[in-house]
Amino acid sequence: MKINVTQEHIYSASCHKCYCPIALAIKDAFDVPDVSDEFVDVGGCGVVELKELNKTISLPDHAVDFIDSYDAWARRTTSYCPKPFEFELEI
C-alpha cells in the first residue's frame, strides 16, 4: 500500500507515536480519523504497529531517516524541515 506523507501531515503532526506525520499518513490511507490513537503506533526505530489489524511492520530505511529528521526539526534542533515523501507499506 502506498503511503503519502504530505506537507500538511508534517505541519499538523506532533512527536507522538500516534500523531507523527507517518501515522497521520497511514490513517489517511486507511480512511481513519486523525484523532484516533487506537489504530496505529509508529516507533522511532522504524516499526509500525497496526493495532486493529494486529500487525507489526518495519518501515523502509528512508522512512526511518524521515522520522529522525522530523524529530530534530520538531524539537528545534535543526531548521531543516523534512520534505513530503512516499513509501510502500507492506501489509
N, C-alpha and C. Protein backbone atom coordinates (compact mmCIF):
# COMPACT_ATOMS: atom_id res chain seq x y z
N MET A 1 0.85 -1.16 0.00
CA MET A 1 0.00 0.00 0.00
C MET A 1 0.89 1.23 0.00
N LYS A 2 0.60 2.17 -0.91
CA LYS A 2 1.40 3.38 -0.99
C LYS A 2 0.92 4.37 0.08
N ILE A 3 1.89 4.91 0.82
CA ILE A 3 1.63 5.90 1.86
C ILE A 3 2.27 7.22 1.43
N ASN A 4 1.49 8.27 1.39
CA ASN A 4 1.97 9.60 1.00
C ASN A 4 2.00 10.51 2.22
N VAL A 5 3.19 10.89 2.64
CA VAL A 5 3.35 11.85 3.73
C VAL A 5 3.40 13.23 3.10
N THR A 6 2.38 14.05 3.37
CA THR A 6 2.26 15.36 2.75
C THR A 6 2.81 16.46 3.65
N GLN A 7 2.92 17.65 3.07
CA GLN A 7 3.34 18.81 3.85
C GLN A 7 2.33 19.09 4.97
N GLU A 8 1.06 18.87 4.70
CA GLU A 8 0.04 19.05 5.73
C GLU A 8 0.26 18.09 6.91
N HIS A 9 0.62 16.84 6.62
CA HIS A 9 0.92 15.89 7.70
C HIS A 9 2.09 16.40 8.54
N ILE A 10 3.10 16.90 7.85
CA ILE A 10 4.32 17.36 8.54
C ILE A 10 4.01 18.55 9.46
N TYR A 11 3.25 19.52 8.95
CA TYR A 11 2.95 20.73 9.73
C TYR A 11 1.94 20.50 10.84
N SER A 12 1.04 19.53 10.68
CA SER A 12 0.00 19.34 11.69
C SER A 12 0.31 18.23 12.70
N ALA A 13 1.43 17.56 12.53
CA ALA A 13 1.79 16.42 13.38
C ALA A 13 2.46 16.86 14.68
N SER A 14 2.72 15.86 15.52
CA SER A 14 3.49 16.08 16.74
C SER A 14 4.43 14.88 16.92
N CYS A 15 5.38 15.03 17.81
CA CYS A 15 6.32 13.93 18.09
C CYS A 15 5.65 12.93 19.03
N HIS A 16 4.71 12.23 18.54
CA HIS A 16 4.00 11.22 19.32
C HIS A 16 3.71 10.06 18.38
N LYS A 17 3.84 8.87 18.86
CA LYS A 17 3.74 7.68 18.02
C LYS A 17 2.41 7.55 17.28
N CYS A 18 1.35 8.17 17.78
CA CYS A 18 0.04 8.10 17.13
C CYS A 18 -0.26 9.31 16.25
N TYR A 19 0.53 10.37 16.39
CA TYR A 19 0.23 11.62 15.70
C TYR A 19 1.42 12.17 14.91
N CYS A 20 2.42 11.36 14.66
CA CYS A 20 3.55 11.80 13.84
C CYS A 20 3.10 11.85 12.38
N PRO A 21 3.88 12.49 11.49
CA PRO A 21 3.46 12.59 10.09
C PRO A 21 3.19 11.23 9.43
N ILE A 22 4.01 10.24 9.74
CA ILE A 22 3.81 8.92 9.14
C ILE A 22 2.52 8.28 9.65
N ALA A 23 2.25 8.41 10.94
CA ALA A 23 0.99 7.88 11.49
C ALA A 23 -0.21 8.57 10.85
N LEU A 24 -0.15 9.89 10.69
CA LEU A 24 -1.26 10.61 10.06
C LEU A 24 -1.46 10.15 8.62
N ALA A 25 -0.36 9.94 7.89
CA ALA A 25 -0.47 9.49 6.50
C ALA A 25 -1.05 8.07 6.42
N ILE A 26 -0.66 7.21 7.34
CA ILE A 26 -1.21 5.85 7.36
C ILE A 26 -2.70 5.90 7.67
N LYS A 27 -3.09 6.74 8.62
CA LYS A 27 -4.51 6.88 8.93
C LYS A 27 -5.29 7.35 7.71
N ASP A 28 -4.73 8.31 6.98
CA ASP A 28 -5.39 8.78 5.75
C ASP A 28 -5.55 7.65 4.74
N ALA A 29 -4.51 6.84 4.58
CA ALA A 29 -4.56 5.75 3.61
C ALA A 29 -5.63 4.72 3.97
N PHE A 30 -5.87 4.54 5.27
CA PHE A 30 -6.89 3.60 5.73
C PHE A 30 -8.23 4.29 6.03
N ASP A 31 -8.31 5.59 5.76
CA ASP A 31 -9.52 6.37 5.99
C ASP A 31 -9.96 6.34 7.46
N VAL A 32 -8.97 6.49 8.35
CA VAL A 32 -9.20 6.52 9.80
C VAL A 32 -9.04 7.97 10.26
N PRO A 33 -9.92 8.47 11.13
CA PRO A 33 -9.79 9.86 11.60
C PRO A 33 -8.44 10.13 12.27
N ASP A 34 -7.89 11.32 12.03
CA ASP A 34 -6.59 11.70 12.60
C ASP A 34 -6.58 11.65 14.12
N VAL A 35 -7.71 11.88 14.74
CA VAL A 35 -7.75 11.93 16.21
C VAL A 35 -7.69 10.56 16.86
N SER A 36 -7.84 9.52 16.07
CA SER A 36 -7.80 8.16 16.62
C SER A 36 -6.39 7.80 17.07
N ASP A 37 -6.28 7.33 18.31
CA ASP A 37 -4.98 6.84 18.77
C ASP A 37 -5.01 5.33 18.98
N GLU A 38 -6.05 4.69 18.47
CA GLU A 38 -6.20 3.25 18.63
C GLU A 38 -5.80 2.46 17.39
N PHE A 39 -5.49 3.13 16.27
CA PHE A 39 -5.26 2.42 15.02
C PHE A 39 -3.79 2.10 14.76
N VAL A 40 -2.92 3.10 14.94
CA VAL A 40 -1.52 2.92 14.54
C VAL A 40 -0.58 3.56 15.56
N ASP A 41 0.55 2.90 15.78
CA ASP A 41 1.69 3.46 16.53
C ASP A 41 2.90 3.37 15.62
N VAL A 42 3.67 4.45 15.56
CA VAL A 42 4.91 4.45 14.78
C VAL A 42 6.05 4.67 15.75
N GLY A 43 6.93 3.69 15.84
CA GLY A 43 8.09 3.79 16.72
C GLY A 43 9.25 4.47 16.03
N GLY A 44 10.03 5.20 16.80
CA GLY A 44 11.20 5.89 16.26
C GLY A 44 12.22 4.94 15.66
N CYS A 45 12.15 3.68 16.03
CA CYS A 45 13.08 2.69 15.49
C CYS A 45 12.62 2.16 14.14
N GLY A 46 11.46 2.65 13.66
CA GLY A 46 11.00 2.25 12.34
C GLY A 46 10.03 1.09 12.31
N VAL A 47 9.35 0.86 13.42
CA VAL A 47 8.37 -0.22 13.48
C VAL A 47 6.97 0.40 13.56
N VAL A 48 6.09 -0.07 12.70
CA VAL A 48 4.70 0.38 12.69
C VAL A 48 3.85 -0.73 13.27
N GLU A 49 3.03 -0.38 14.24
CA GLU A 49 2.08 -1.34 14.79
C GLU A 49 0.69 -0.91 14.36
N LEU A 50 0.06 -1.73 13.52
CA LEU A 50 -1.33 -1.52 13.12
C LEU A 50 -2.18 -2.30 14.09
N LYS A 51 -2.64 -1.62 15.13
CA LYS A 51 -3.26 -2.30 16.26
C LYS A 51 -4.55 -3.03 15.89
N GLU A 52 -5.41 -2.39 15.11
CA GLU A 52 -6.68 -3.02 14.76
C GLU A 52 -6.50 -4.21 13.82
N LEU A 53 -5.39 -4.23 13.08
CA LEU A 53 -5.11 -5.35 12.18
C LEU A 53 -4.21 -6.38 12.83
N ASN A 54 -3.74 -6.10 14.05
CA ASN A 54 -2.84 -6.99 14.77
C ASN A 54 -1.59 -7.32 13.95
N LYS A 55 -0.98 -6.26 13.37
CA LYS A 55 0.22 -6.43 12.54
C LYS A 55 1.31 -5.48 12.98
N THR A 56 2.54 -5.95 12.88
CA THR A 56 3.72 -5.13 13.11
C THR A 56 4.55 -5.18 11.84
N ILE A 57 4.91 -3.99 11.34
CA ILE A 57 5.58 -3.89 10.04
C ILE A 57 6.79 -2.97 10.19
N SER A 58 7.88 -3.32 9.55
CA SER A 58 9.07 -2.46 9.53
C SER A 58 8.96 -1.45 8.41
N LEU A 59 9.34 -0.21 8.72
CA LEU A 59 9.36 0.84 7.71
C LEU A 59 10.63 0.73 6.86
N PRO A 60 10.57 1.21 5.61
CA PRO A 60 11.80 1.26 4.81
C PRO A 60 12.78 2.27 5.40
N ASP A 61 14.05 2.12 5.05
CA ASP A 61 15.10 2.96 5.63
C ASP A 61 14.85 4.45 5.45
N HIS A 62 14.36 4.87 4.26
CA HIS A 62 14.17 6.31 4.05
C HIS A 62 13.04 6.86 4.93
N ALA A 63 12.10 6.03 5.35
CA ALA A 63 11.06 6.47 6.27
C ALA A 63 11.63 6.63 7.68
N VAL A 64 12.54 5.75 8.07
CA VAL A 64 13.20 5.87 9.37
C VAL A 64 14.06 7.14 9.39
N ASP A 65 14.75 7.42 8.30
CA ASP A 65 15.54 8.65 8.20
C ASP A 65 14.63 9.88 8.33
N PHE A 66 13.44 9.80 7.73
CA PHE A 66 12.49 10.89 7.84
C PHE A 66 12.11 11.13 9.31
N ILE A 67 11.86 10.06 10.05
CA ILE A 67 11.50 10.19 11.47
C ILE A 67 12.59 10.96 12.22
N ASP A 68 13.84 10.59 11.99
CA ASP A 68 14.95 11.29 12.64
C ASP A 68 14.97 12.77 12.27
N SER A 69 14.78 13.07 10.99
CA SER A 69 14.78 14.47 10.53
C SER A 69 13.60 15.24 11.11
N TYR A 70 12.43 14.61 11.11
CA TYR A 70 11.24 15.28 11.63
C TYR A 70 11.41 15.57 13.13
N ASP A 71 11.87 14.59 13.88
CA ASP A 71 12.04 14.78 15.32
C ASP A 71 13.01 15.92 15.62
N ALA A 72 14.10 15.99 14.86
CA ALA A 72 15.07 17.07 15.06
C ALA A 72 14.45 18.43 14.74
N TRP A 73 13.68 18.49 13.66
CA TRP A 73 13.02 19.74 13.28
C TRP A 73 11.95 20.13 14.30
N ALA A 74 11.14 19.18 14.73
CA ALA A 74 10.06 19.46 15.67
C ALA A 74 10.60 19.90 17.03
N ARG A 75 11.76 19.39 17.39
CA ARG A 75 12.37 19.77 18.68
C ARG A 75 13.28 20.99 18.55
N ARG A 76 13.28 21.57 17.37
CA ARG A 76 14.04 22.80 17.07
C ARG A 76 15.55 22.64 17.19
N THR A 77 16.04 21.41 16.97
CA THR A 77 17.49 21.22 16.98
C THR A 77 18.08 21.41 15.59
N THR A 78 17.20 21.61 14.60
CA THR A 78 17.63 21.95 13.24
C THR A 78 16.56 22.81 12.61
N SER A 79 16.94 23.64 11.67
CA SER A 79 15.95 24.47 10.97
C SER A 79 15.45 23.80 9.70
N TYR A 80 16.03 22.65 9.37
CA TYR A 80 15.65 21.92 8.16
C TYR A 80 14.31 21.20 8.36
N CYS A 81 13.31 21.63 7.63
CA CYS A 81 12.00 20.96 7.68
C CYS A 81 12.01 19.82 6.67
N PRO A 82 11.74 18.60 7.11
CA PRO A 82 11.74 17.48 6.17
C PRO A 82 10.68 17.65 5.09
N LYS A 83 10.95 17.10 3.94
CA LYS A 83 10.09 17.22 2.77
C LYS A 83 9.08 16.08 2.71
N PRO A 84 7.93 16.32 2.06
CA PRO A 84 6.98 15.24 1.83
C PRO A 84 7.64 14.10 1.05
N PHE A 85 7.14 12.90 1.26
CA PHE A 85 7.68 11.73 0.57
C PHE A 85 6.62 10.64 0.56
N GLU A 86 6.92 9.59 -0.14
CA GLU A 86 6.01 8.43 -0.14
C GLU A 86 6.81 7.15 0.04
N PHE A 87 6.13 6.14 0.49
CA PHE A 87 6.77 4.84 0.65
C PHE A 87 5.71 3.76 0.54
N GLU A 88 6.18 2.55 0.38
CA GLU A 88 5.31 1.39 0.28
C GLU A 88 5.25 0.71 1.64
N LEU A 89 4.04 0.51 2.16
CA LEU A 89 3.85 -0.19 3.42
C LEU A 89 3.39 -1.61 3.07
N GLU A 90 4.23 -2.56 3.39
CA GLU A 90 3.93 -3.97 3.07
C GLU A 90 2.97 -4.53 4.10
N ILE A 91 1.72 -4.63 3.73
CA ILE A 91 0.68 -5.13 4.64
C ILE A 91 0.61 -6.64 4.61
